[in-house]
Amino acid sequence: MAIKRNWLYFLLGTLLISAFFHFRSPNIPDPDSLYHLRHAWLYRTGSMVDTGFPWTYYSVIRLLGADLWYGFHLFLTPFTYFGDLLFGNKAVGIFMTAGLLLIFGWILKRHQISLPFFWPFIFFFSVPNALFQLLMVRPHLLSLALSIALLSVLISGSWPAVFLLSALIVFFHLSFFWIAPGIAFLIFLLRIFHNHNWKLGLANFLWVIVGTALGALLRPEPLAALQLVYIQVVKLLVEKQSSLPLLFSRELAPLSFGTLFQTSFLFLILWVPAIFISVWALYRSRLIFSKIVPEVKIFLLGSGFLSLVFFLMSVFIARRSYIFWVAFGMIFSAGVYGYLLPKKSQNFGLMIIAIIFLLMVPYAIYKNDIGMRTAALPPDYLKAPALWLGDNSNPGDIVFNTHWDNFSALFFWNQTNYYIGGMDPIFQYVYKPELYWKFHHISKDEFGDLTCGEAVCGRSNTEDVYKVLKEDFKAKYILAEKRRNPNLLAFLNQDSRFEESFNNGKEMIFLLK
């Protein structure tokens, strides 16, 4: 009964803390969640096998007619039954955040880590940037929860669980096709290193490959979806290494060491000593590791190695790996302090951890409140211009959205019109580089009245913006924000070929005559 009561308290705690932070601000931490929820709504109100998507008109997504996030959108469909989809966004956010914390605690309990119901809350408050990501309605939360569960069952679990988790990871988040095989291969190598049931490690790795393949294929237009994955992962990585000044979302940029230490110094106080303790234990393996069963050794080394890999990915490739570093790093730290810390130091270690946690909570709340005010979007962002377009234009009219990140909010409020592009700009670039560059220079507000179809504009290759909008993009309207496109708006206001149709002081819409 005591065990059940502890689980009940833990469940209530995760739900309360998740609800508190999701409803603490009406703002949306990630604008993509608006797109995801509206796409799920389309499946519920239409056909669940029709993945055609004409709304990003000058994007390869429209050409391929596949849904890169199909499984995630199916997962969201029950939450589209709320009359207010913005409330549905908050509801699913609570469900996903609490679910991740529950799985986190279950894993620690399963591997007999001390204080299994305390560490998930340390994880929640450990890094403000990670907390901000924990409040997003995006598939990475499902991927993370399933990935840490997969690490656990690969060490001590049955093949059906290994197979199912691998299939679900890639079904919900196709771009993460590599993570389950990567974890499985690591555990296989660690089993060989410790001479512990390497045949089981090989069998599990093969089950992961089969599950990953099934999860990737279990969707409409699977081959087209895999093409989108190639573009989003491989093509994007290649282009990022080039000198081309493509537009990318901030999360695809590496994390600077300054930002890292500014936001993560309290977590680093836990994680870095855990690494030194584990290295020391390996050096003194006869005294330390000889007392630990092989499954625990593999669990500690596996979570530690994964945390290091995701740390390096965060600072050298893309900061979107940040949350994976913190999650695997916290699991690793909990295991190290539970298993490897000398008994005579455990009470002192627990006191230090408690002090760090007490510092984490107010700091995380303070920084998260700033982030929700400055980086999150108000729930009515672009609502007024989107509804105006829906009421005053014809179905299929193309609206030139001057910024790719406008798309989610515009699409959420208005499915009547088509837009230039959305999601990652790499999809626009692959569709037609010339059109992408013409959009790029307008979006960057470089000239106002001119643009060009190359990376660098000069006197010999510039073109009139009106001609480009009218002939190349077939746009009926152009939407621009005053704070982001002052040069463009100055041109639109003085050129008689554009007719101002909407102006709410923040956004303006012009009809192309």
Protein backbone atom coordinates (compact mmCIF):
# COMPACT_ATOMS: atom_id res chain seq x y z
CA MET A 1 0.00 0.00 0.00
CA ALA A 2 2.86 2.37 0.81
CA ILE A 3 4.31 1.83 -2.67
CA LYS A 4 0.98 2.57 -4.34
CA ARG A 5 0.56 5.66 -2.17
CA ASN A 6 4.02 6.90 -3.16
CA TRP A 7 3.17 6.45 -6.83
CA LEU A 8 -0.11 8.31 -6.33
CA TYR A 9 1.67 11.23 -4.66
CA PHE A 10 4.25 11.24 -7.45
CA LEU A 11 1.53 11.25 -10.10
CA LEU A 12 -0.30 14.12 -8.42
CA GLY A 13 2.97 16.02 -8.04
CA THR A 14 3.85 15.72 -11.73
CA LEU A 15 0.38 16.77 -12.82
CA LEU A 16 0.27 19.75 -10.47
CA ILE A 17 3.70 21.06 -11.40
CA SER A 18 3.01 20.56 -15.10
CA ALA A 19 -0.36 22.32 -14.90
CA PHE A 20 1.12 25.16 -12.86
CA PHE A 21 3.80 25.96 -15.42
CA HIS A 22 1.66 25.42 -18.51
CA PHE A 23 -1.07 27.73 -17.21
CA ARG A 24 1.33 30.19 -15.55
CA SER A 25 1.41 32.13 -18.83
CA PRO A 26 -1.09 32.18 -21.69
CA ASN A 27 1.80 32.46 -24.15
CA ILE A 28 2.89 29.64 -26.47
CA PRO A 29 6.52 28.52 -25.93
CA ASP A 30 6.80 27.12 -29.43
CA PRO A 31 4.80 28.43 -32.41
CA ASP A 32 5.13 25.07 -34.20
CA SER A 33 2.68 23.61 -31.68
CA LEU A 34 -0.07 25.68 -33.33
CA TYR A 35 0.72 24.05 -36.67
CA HIS A 36 0.88 20.56 -35.17
CA LEU A 37 -2.46 20.88 -33.39
CA ARG A 38 -4.22 22.31 -36.43
CA HIS A 39 -2.81 19.55 -38.65
CA ALA A 40 -4.12 17.00 -36.15
CA TRP A 41 -7.50 18.75 -36.32
CA LEU A 42 -7.46 18.33 -40.10
CA TYR A 43 -7.00 14.58 -39.69
CA ARG A 44 -9.84 14.37 -37.20
CA THR A 45 -12.27 16.43 -39.28
CA GLY A 46 -11.15 15.03 -42.63
CA SER A 47 -9.23 11.95 -43.67
CA MET A 48 -6.48 10.36 -41.59
CA VAL A 49 -4.79 8.94 -44.67
CA ASP A 50 -4.70 12.12 -46.75
CA THR A 51 -1.29 13.65 -46.07
CA GLY A 52 -1.37 16.15 -48.92
CA PHE A 53 -0.40 19.60 -47.70
CA PRO A 54 -0.83 22.49 -50.17
CA TRP A 55 -0.64 25.24 -47.53
CA THR A 56 3.15 25.58 -47.82
CA TYR A 57 2.86 26.25 -51.52
CA TYR A 58 6.49 26.86 -52.48
CA SER A 59 7.87 24.05 -50.38
CA VAL A 60 8.92 20.51 -51.21
CA ILE A 61 6.40 19.40 -48.57
CA ARG A 62 3.59 20.23 -51.00
CA LEU A 63 5.26 18.36 -53.85
CA LEU A 64 5.94 15.17 -51.89
CA GLY A 65 2.54 15.14 -50.18
CA ALA A 66 3.83 13.43 -47.04
CA ASP A 67 3.58 14.27 -43.35
CA LEU A 68 6.92 14.19 -41.58
CA TRP A 69 5.17 14.25 -38.17
CA TYR A 70 2.27 11.91 -39.01
CA GLY A 71 2.42 9.78 -35.86
CA PHE A 72 2.66 12.82 -33.61
CA HIS A 73 -0.36 14.39 -35.29
CA LEU A 74 -2.39 11.22 -34.70
CA PHE A 75 -1.31 11.35 -31.06
CA LEU A 76 -2.66 14.92 -30.83
CA THR A 77 -6.07 14.22 -32.38
CA PRO A 78 -7.91 13.48 -29.06
CA PHE A 79 -6.91 16.93 -27.82
CA THR A 80 -8.54 18.59 -30.83
CA TYR A 81 -11.99 17.76 -29.43
CA PHE A 82 -11.71 20.75 -27.10
CA GLY A 83 -13.80 23.60 -28.47
CA ASP A 84 -10.86 25.90 -27.84
CA LEU A 85 -7.77 24.49 -29.52
CA LEU A 86 -5.57 26.84 -27.49
CA PHE A 87 -6.85 25.12 -24.36
CA GLY A 88 -6.25 21.79 -26.08
CA ASN A 89 -2.66 22.91 -26.62
CA LYS A 90 -2.26 23.51 -22.89
CA ALA A 91 -3.97 20.20 -22.03
CA VAL A 92 -1.73 18.09 -24.24
CA GLY A 93 1.28 20.00 -22.92
CA ILE A 94 0.39 19.02 -19.35
CA PHE A 95 -0.10 15.41 -20.42
CA MET A 96 3.26 15.23 -22.21
CA THR A 97 5.27 17.00 -19.51
CA ALA A 98 3.78 14.93 -16.69
CA GLY A 99 4.18 11.75 -18.76
CA LEU A 100 7.88 12.39 -19.28
CA LEU A 101 8.42 12.99 -15.56
CA LEU A 102 6.52 9.80 -14.70
CA ILE A 103 8.63 7.73 -17.08
CA PHE A 104 11.74 9.36 -15.66
CA GLY A 105 10.75 8.29 -12.14
CA TRP A 106 9.72 4.80 -13.30
CA ILE A 107 13.15 4.21 -14.83
CA LEU A 108 14.98 5.28 -11.69
CA LYS A 109 12.68 3.12 -9.57
CA ARG A 110 13.17 0.19 -11.94
CA HIS A 111 16.95 0.41 -11.58
CA GLN A 112 16.73 0.91 -7.82
CA ILE A 113 18.19 4.41 -7.79
CA SER A 114 17.89 6.22 -4.48
CA LEU A 115 15.13 8.85 -4.26
CA PRO A 116 13.53 7.88 -7.60
CA PHE A 117 10.60 10.29 -7.14
CA PHE A 118 12.82 13.23 -6.23
CA TRP A 119 15.22 13.22 -9.20
CA PRO A 120 12.51 13.89 -11.83
CA PHE A 121 11.79 17.22 -10.17
CA ILE A 122 15.50 18.05 -10.03
CA PHE A 123 15.53 17.32 -13.77
CA PHE A 124 12.50 19.58 -14.29
CA PHE A 125 14.13 22.59 -12.59
CA SER A 126 17.78 21.87 -13.45
CA VAL A 127 18.18 24.10 -16.52
CA PRO A 128 15.83 26.99 -17.47
CA ASN A 129 16.36 26.35 -21.20
CA ALA A 130 15.41 22.70 -20.71
CA LEU A 131 12.36 23.71 -18.66
CA PHE A 132 11.27 25.96 -21.53
CA GLN A 133 11.52 22.96 -23.89
CA LEU A 134 9.57 20.78 -21.45
CA LEU A 135 6.63 23.15 -21.91
CA MET A 136 6.57 22.80 -25.70
CA VAL A 137 4.04 20.69 -27.58
CA ARG A 138 6.48 19.07 -29.95
CA PRO A 139 7.37 15.45 -30.79
CA HIS A 140 10.76 15.69 -29.11
CA LEU A 141 9.13 15.17 -25.69
CA LEU A 142 7.67 11.86 -26.82
CA SER A 143 10.99 10.90 -28.41
CA LEU A 144 12.84 11.71 -25.20
CA ALA A 145 10.44 9.79 -22.94
CA LEU A 146 10.53 6.73 -25.19
CA SER A 147 14.32 6.94 -25.62
CA ILE A 148 15.09 6.86 -21.89
CA ALA A 149 12.57 4.01 -21.52
CA LEU A 150 14.34 2.16 -24.35
CA LEU A 151 17.69 2.54 -22.57
CA SER A 152 16.15 0.83 -19.55
CA VAL A 153 14.50 -2.09 -21.34
CA LEU A 154 17.59 -2.74 -23.46
CA ILE A 155 19.43 -3.43 -20.21
CA SER A 156 16.73 -5.44 -18.45
CA GLY A 157 13.63 -6.04 -20.50
CA SER A 158 11.97 -8.29 -23.05
CA TRP A 159 12.26 -8.10 -26.82
CA PRO A 160 8.59 -7.07 -27.34
CA ALA A 161 9.20 -3.94 -25.23
CA VAL A 162 12.39 -3.19 -27.17
CA PHE A 163 10.59 -3.66 -30.47
CA LEU A 164 7.55 -1.57 -29.49
CA LEU A 165 9.52 1.36 -28.07
CA SER A 166 11.77 1.49 -31.15
CA ALA A 167 8.75 1.51 -33.45
CA LEU A 168 7.00 4.24 -31.45
CA ILE A 169 10.03 6.55 -31.37
CA VAL A 170 10.28 6.71 -35.14
CA PHE A 171 6.50 6.60 -35.66
CA PHE A 172 6.05 9.73 -33.57
CA HIS A 173 9.27 11.44 -34.68
CA LEU A 174 10.57 10.17 -38.00
CA SER A 175 13.58 12.50 -38.01
CA PHE A 176 14.86 10.64 -34.94
CA PHE A 177 15.22 7.38 -36.87
CA TRP A 178 18.84 7.15 -35.68
CA ILE A 179 18.37 7.40 -31.94
CA ALA A 180 17.00 3.93 -31.12
CA PRO A 181 19.63 2.05 -33.20
CA GLY A 182 22.29 4.30 -31.68
CA ILE A 183 21.26 3.49 -28.11
CA ALA A 184 20.93 -0.22 -28.90
CA PHE A 185 24.36 -0.38 -30.52
CA LEU A 186 25.91 1.37 -27.52
CA ILE A 187 24.39 -1.14 -25.09
CA PHE A 188 25.58 -3.99 -27.33
CA LEU A 189 29.15 -2.64 -27.18
CA LEU A 190 28.96 -2.21 -23.40
CA ARG A 191 27.77 -5.82 -23.03
CA ILE A 192 30.78 -6.96 -25.04
CA PHE A 193 33.08 -4.77 -22.95
CA HIS A 194 31.74 -6.28 -19.73
CA ASN A 195 31.46 -9.79 -21.21
CA HIS A 196 27.83 -9.86 -20.14
CA ASN A 197 25.29 -11.57 -22.40
CA TRP A 198 26.47 -9.98 -25.66
CA LYS A 199 24.15 -12.28 -27.62
CA LEU A 200 21.16 -10.61 -25.95
CA GLY A 201 22.63 -7.22 -26.89
CA LEU A 202 22.93 -8.30 -30.52
CA ALA A 203 19.37 -9.70 -30.56
CA ASN A 204 18.00 -6.48 -29.05
CA PHE A 205 19.89 -4.41 -31.61
CA LEU A 206 18.29 -6.42 -34.41
CA TRP A 207 14.83 -6.01 -32.84
CA VAL A 208 15.45 -2.26 -32.67
CA ILE A 209 16.30 -2.21 -36.39
CA VAL A 210 13.09 -4.09 -37.21
CA GLY A 211 11.00 -1.84 -34.93
CA THR A 212 12.55 1.31 -36.38
CA ALA A 213 11.85 0.14 -39.93
CA LEU A 214 8.22 -0.66 -39.06
CA GLY A 215 7.70 2.69 -37.33
CA ALA A 216 9.09 4.50 -40.37
CA LEU A 217 6.92 2.62 -42.86
CA LEU A 218 3.70 2.66 -40.83
CA ARG A 219 2.29 5.85 -42.39
CA PRO A 220 0.78 7.05 -45.67
CA GLU A 221 3.39 7.87 -48.34
CA PRO A 222 6.32 6.40 -46.35
CA LEU A 223 8.91 6.82 -49.11
CA ALA A 224 8.01 10.47 -49.60
CA ALA A 225 8.21 10.98 -45.83
CA LEU A 226 11.69 9.45 -45.84
CA GLN A 227 12.67 11.92 -48.56
CA LEU A 228 11.58 14.74 -46.26
CA VAL A 229 13.69 13.23 -43.47
CA TYR A 230 16.70 13.20 -45.76
CA ILE A 231 16.12 16.86 -46.56
CA GLN A 232 15.55 17.90 -42.95
CA VAL A 233 18.47 15.93 -41.48
CA VAL A 234 21.15 15.24 -44.08
CA LYS A 235 20.59 18.07 -46.55
CA LEU A 236 20.16 20.58 -43.73
CA LEU A 237 23.37 19.44 -42.03
CA VAL A 238 25.30 19.73 -45.30
CA GLU A 239 23.95 23.21 -46.02
CA LYS A 240 24.68 24.37 -42.48
CA GLN A 241 28.35 23.54 -43.01
CA SER A 242 28.45 25.58 -46.23
CA SER A 243 28.94 29.30 -46.41
CA LEU A 244 25.45 29.98 -47.76
CA PRO A 245 23.54 32.40 -45.48
CA LEU A 246 20.37 30.30 -45.28
CA LEU A 247 17.70 31.09 -42.73
CA PHE A 248 17.55 28.57 -39.89
CA SER A 249 15.58 28.39 -36.69
CA ARG A 250 17.55 29.30 -33.57
CA GLU A 251 17.37 25.76 -32.22
CA LEU A 252 19.40 24.49 -35.17
CA ALA A 253 22.34 26.71 -34.24
CA PRO A 254 25.06 25.42 -31.88
CA LEU A 255 24.83 26.43 -28.24
CA SER A 256 27.52 28.93 -27.28
CA PHE A 257 29.62 28.13 -24.22
CA GLY A 258 28.61 31.46 -22.71
CA THR A 259 24.92 30.59 -22.88
CA LEU A 260 25.70 27.08 -21.71
CA PHE A 261 27.38 28.17 -18.50
CA GLN A 262 24.96 31.01 -17.88
CA THR A 263 21.91 28.76 -17.97
CA SER A 264 23.31 25.38 -16.88
CA PHE A 265 25.85 26.11 -14.17
CA LEU A 266 23.76 24.47 -11.43
CA PHE A 267 23.25 21.33 -13.49
CA LEU A 268 26.95 21.27 -14.34
CA ILE A 269 27.70 21.21 -10.60
CA LEU A 270 25.92 17.84 -10.52
CA TRP A 271 26.92 16.42 -13.89
CA VAL A 272 30.66 17.19 -14.06
CA PRO A 273 31.51 15.68 -10.63
CA ALA A 274 29.44 12.62 -11.59
CA ILE A 275 31.71 12.15 -14.60
CA PHE A 276 34.84 12.39 -12.44
CA ILE A 277 33.40 9.96 -9.90
CA SER A 278 32.56 7.44 -12.63
CA VAL A 279 36.05 7.77 -14.17
CA TRP A 280 37.56 7.28 -10.73
CA ALA A 281 35.36 4.22 -10.20
CA LEU A 282 36.47 2.76 -13.53
CA TYR A 283 40.11 3.37 -12.56
CA ARG A 284 39.49 1.64 -9.23
CA SER A 285 37.19 -0.94 -10.83
CA ARG A 286 38.27 -3.85 -8.70
CA LEU A 287 37.16 -2.03 -5.57
CA ILE A 288 34.14 -0.16 -6.92
CA PHE A 289 32.58 -1.81 -9.98
CA SER A 290 33.23 -5.34 -8.69
CA LYS A 291 30.49 -4.76 -6.13
CA ILE A 292 27.93 -3.70 -8.75
CA VAL A 293 25.94 -6.09 -10.93
CA PRO A 294 26.64 -5.85 -14.70
CA GLU A 295 23.21 -4.36 -15.49
CA VAL A 296 23.93 -1.40 -13.23
CA LYS A 297 27.38 -0.87 -14.75
CA ILE A 298 25.86 -0.83 -18.24
CA PHE A 299 23.07 1.51 -17.08
CA LEU A 300 25.55 3.99 -15.60
CA LEU A 301 28.02 3.89 -18.48
CA GLY A 302 25.25 3.94 -21.11
CA SER A 303 23.45 6.97 -19.67
CA GLY A 304 26.78 8.74 -19.07
CA PHE A 305 28.02 8.18 -22.62
CA LEU A 306 24.69 9.30 -24.11
CA SER A 307 24.70 12.46 -22.01
CA LEU A 308 28.19 13.26 -23.26
CA VAL A 309 27.19 12.64 -26.90
CA PHE A 310 24.15 14.91 -26.65
CA PHE A 311 26.23 17.54 -24.86
CA LEU A 312 28.68 17.61 -27.77
CA MET A 313 25.81 17.72 -30.26
CA SER A 314 24.34 20.72 -28.41
CA VAL A 315 27.51 22.80 -28.51
CA PHE A 316 28.79 21.78 -31.94
CA ILE A 317 25.74 20.92 -34.07
CA ALA A 318 22.33 22.08 -32.78
CA ARG A 319 21.00 23.25 -29.44
CA ARG A 320 17.82 21.21 -29.94
CA SER A 321 19.82 18.30 -28.41
CA TYR A 322 19.99 20.27 -25.15
CA ILE A 323 17.05 18.55 -23.50
CA PHE A 324 18.45 15.08 -24.28
CA TRP A 325 21.77 16.03 -22.70
CA VAL A 326 20.07 17.20 -19.51
CA ALA A 327 17.76 14.15 -19.31
CA PHE A 328 20.41 11.47 -19.83
CA GLY A 329 22.84 13.52 -17.74
CA MET A 330 20.41 13.63 -14.83
CA ILE A 331 19.76 9.88 -15.04
CA PHE A 332 23.52 9.32 -15.09
CA SER A 333 24.08 11.67 -12.13
CA ALA A 334 21.31 10.04 -10.08
CA GLY A 335 22.88 6.63 -10.72
CA VAL A 336 26.41 7.75 -9.89
CA TYR A 337 25.44 9.41 -6.62
CA GLY A 338 23.26 6.43 -5.72
CA TYR A 339 25.73 3.66 -6.55
CA LEU A 340 29.29 5.02 -6.69
CA LEU A 341 29.47 7.70 -4.04
CA PRO A 342 31.29 6.26 -0.98
CA LYS A 343 28.87 5.52 1.85
CA LYS A 344 30.66 7.84 4.24
CA SER A 345 30.07 10.69 1.77
CA GLN A 346 26.44 9.95 0.88
CA ASN A 347 24.82 12.11 3.57
CA PHE A 348 27.05 15.03 2.66
CA GLY A 349 26.35 14.44 -1.04
CA LEU A 350 22.61 14.37 -0.40
CA MET A 351 22.84 17.67 1.49
CA ILE A 352 24.72 19.29 -1.42
CA ILE A 353 22.13 17.98 -3.91
CA ALA A 354 19.30 19.36 -1.76
CA ILE A 355 20.97 22.78 -1.59
CA ILE A 356 21.50 22.81 -5.36
CA PHE A 357 17.84 21.88 -5.88
CA LEU A 358 16.71 24.73 -3.63
CA LEU A 359 18.77 27.10 -5.76
CA MET A 360 17.49 25.60 -9.02
CA VAL A 361 13.80 26.18 -8.30
CA PRO A 362 13.69 30.00 -7.96
CA TYR A 363 16.31 30.48 -10.69
CA ALA A 364 14.41 28.27 -13.15
CA ILE A 365 11.11 30.01 -12.38
CA TYR A 366 12.69 33.45 -12.79
CA LYS A 367 14.39 32.61 -16.10
CA ASN A 368 11.37 30.74 -17.44
CA ASP A 369 9.10 33.71 -16.72
CA ILE A 370 11.46 35.92 -18.71
CA GLY A 371 11.47 33.41 -21.55
CA MET A 372 7.69 33.18 -21.59
CA ARG A 373 7.45 36.97 -21.84
CA THR A 374 10.17 37.53 -24.44
CA ALA A 375 10.58 34.32 -26.46
CA ALA A 376 7.09 32.79 -26.34
CA LEU A 377 4.27 34.01 -28.54
CA PRO A 378 0.99 35.51 -27.33
CA PRO A 379 -1.91 33.16 -28.11
CA ASP A 380 -3.50 35.69 -30.49
CA TYR A 381 -0.33 36.23 -32.54
CA LEU A 382 -1.37 36.97 -36.17
CA LYS A 383 -4.96 36.03 -35.33
CA ALA A 384 -6.47 39.31 -36.59
CA PRO A 385 -4.73 39.40 -40.01
CA ALA A 386 -5.25 35.66 -40.51
CA LEU A 387 -9.00 35.92 -39.84
CA TRP A 388 -9.26 39.00 -42.05
CA LEU A 389 -7.66 37.08 -44.91
CA GLY A 390 -10.01 34.18 -44.35
CA ASP A 391 -13.02 36.47 -44.55
CA ASN A 392 -11.90 38.66 -47.45
CA SER A 393 -10.04 36.40 -49.87
CA ASN A 394 -10.87 33.44 -52.07
CA PRO A 395 -9.91 29.84 -51.21
CA GLY A 396 -6.45 29.09 -52.53
CA ASP A 397 -5.33 32.71 -52.79
CA ILE A 398 -1.59 32.84 -52.09
CA VAL A 399 -0.42 35.04 -49.24
CA PHE A 400 3.24 36.00 -49.24
CA ASN A 401 4.22 35.61 -45.59
CA THR A 402 7.45 37.57 -45.23
CA HIS A 403 8.83 35.27 -42.52
CA TRP A 404 8.78 31.48 -42.52
CA ASP A 405 7.96 31.42 -38.79
CA ASN A 406 4.69 33.29 -39.51
CA PHE A 407 3.26 30.14 -41.01
CA SER A 408 2.20 28.20 -37.90
CA ALA A 409 0.02 30.99 -36.51
CA LEU A 410 -1.41 31.90 -39.93
CA PHE A 411 -2.27 28.29 -40.69
CA PHE A 412 -3.73 27.77 -37.20
CA TRP A 413 -6.22 30.61 -37.68
CA ASN A 414 -6.78 30.40 -41.44
CA GLN A 415 -6.75 27.33 -43.70
CA THR A 416 -8.47 29.19 -46.54
CA ASN A 417 -5.27 30.60 -48.00
CA TYR A 418 -1.98 29.13 -49.11
CA TYR A 419 1.34 30.51 -47.90
CA ILE A 420 4.87 30.72 -49.31
CA GLY A 421 6.40 28.28 -46.85
CA GLY A 422 6.75 27.24 -43.25
CA MET A 423 8.50 24.80 -40.94
CA ASP A 424 12.23 24.59 -41.73
CA PRO A 425 13.28 26.94 -44.59
CA ILE A 426 15.37 24.10 -46.04
CA PHE A 427 12.14 22.77 -47.55
CA GLN A 428 11.72 26.03 -49.49
CA TYR A 429 15.34 25.99 -50.58
CA VAL A 430 15.13 22.45 -51.94
CA TYR A 431 11.87 23.25 -53.75
CA LYS A 432 13.61 25.92 -55.86
CA PRO A 433 16.74 27.75 -54.70
CA GLU A 434 16.04 30.78 -56.91
CA LEU A 435 12.63 31.34 -55.32
CA TYR A 436 14.05 30.76 -51.87
CA TRP A 437 16.66 33.50 -52.30
CA LYS A 438 14.03 35.94 -53.56
CA PHE A 439 12.02 35.21 -50.43
CA HIS A 440 15.18 35.33 -48.28
CA HIS A 441 16.16 38.90 -49.19
CA ILE A 442 12.61 40.17 -48.72
CA SER A 443 12.41 38.42 -45.35
CA LYS A 444 15.73 39.88 -44.23
CA ASP A 445 14.43 43.34 -45.22
CA GLU A 446 17.67 44.11 -47.04
CA PHE A 447 16.37 46.53 -49.66
CA GLY A 448 12.63 46.95 -49.45
CA ASP A 449 11.91 47.45 -53.13
CA LEU A 450 14.40 44.95 -54.60
CA THR A 451 15.35 41.30 -54.30
CA CYS A 452 17.23 38.68 -56.30
CA GLY A 453 17.39 34.96 -56.95
CA GLU A 454 20.94 34.46 -55.70
CA ALA A 455 22.64 34.43 -52.31
CA VAL A 456 24.16 37.87 -52.88
CA CYS A 457 22.36 40.70 -54.65
CA GLY A 458 24.14 43.23 -56.83
CA ARG A 459 23.24 45.80 -59.45
CA SER A 460 23.18 43.20 -62.21
CA ASN A 461 20.84 40.65 -60.63
CA THR A 462 18.25 42.59 -58.61
CA GLU A 463 14.57 42.54 -59.52
CA ASP A 464 11.54 44.60 -58.64
CA VAL A 465 9.72 43.16 -55.61
CA TYR A 466 6.28 43.68 -57.14
CA LYS A 467 7.22 41.75 -60.25
CA VAL A 468 8.68 38.91 -58.19
CA LEU A 469 5.59 38.68 -55.97
CA LYS A 470 3.17 38.87 -58.88
CA GLU A 471 4.90 36.71 -61.49
CA ASP A 472 7.16 34.32 -59.58
CA PHE A 473 5.06 33.69 -56.47
CA LYS A 474 1.62 34.40 -57.95
CA ALA A 475 0.80 36.15 -54.68
CA LYS A 476 -2.54 37.89 -54.17
CA TYR A 477 -1.60 39.44 -50.82
CA ILE A 478 1.54 40.21 -48.86
CA LEU A 479 1.62 40.27 -45.05
CA ALA A 480 4.41 42.08 -43.20
CA GLU A 481 5.13 43.00 -39.59
CA LYS A 482 6.12 46.59 -38.81
CA ARG A 483 8.85 45.63 -36.35
CA ARG A 484 10.53 43.20 -38.74
CA ASN A 485 10.15 44.75 -42.21
CA PRO A 486 10.39 48.57 -42.00
CA ASN A 487 12.17 48.91 -45.37
CA LEU A 488 9.65 46.70 -47.15
CA LEU A 489 6.69 48.52 -45.61
CA ALA A 490 8.10 51.89 -46.60
CA PHE A 491 8.17 50.67 -50.20
CA LEU A 492 4.69 49.07 -50.06
CA ASN A 493 3.15 52.24 -48.63
CA GLN A 494 4.47 54.52 -51.38
CA ASP A 495 3.98 52.20 -54.38
CA SER A 496 0.55 52.50 -56.00
CA ARG A 497 0.69 48.90 -57.21
CA PHE A 498 0.00 47.82 -53.61
CA GLU A 499 -3.25 48.61 -51.84
CA GLU A 500 -3.29 48.64 -48.05
CA SER A 501 -6.12 46.33 -46.97
CA PHE A 502 -5.46 45.66 -43.29
CA ASN A 503 -3.56 47.52 -40.59
CA ASN A 504 -3.81 46.84 -36.86
CA GLY A 505 -0.72 48.77 -35.87
CA LYS A 506 1.49 45.67 -35.77
CA GLU A 507 0.80 43.80 -39.00
CA MET A 508 -0.21 45.09 -42.42
CA ILE A 509 -1.71 43.33 -45.43
CA PHE A 510 -1.47 44.70 -48.96
CA LEU A 511 -3.40 43.60 -52.03
CA LEU A 512 -1.35 43.28 -55.19
CA LYS A 513 -3.21 45.12 -57.95
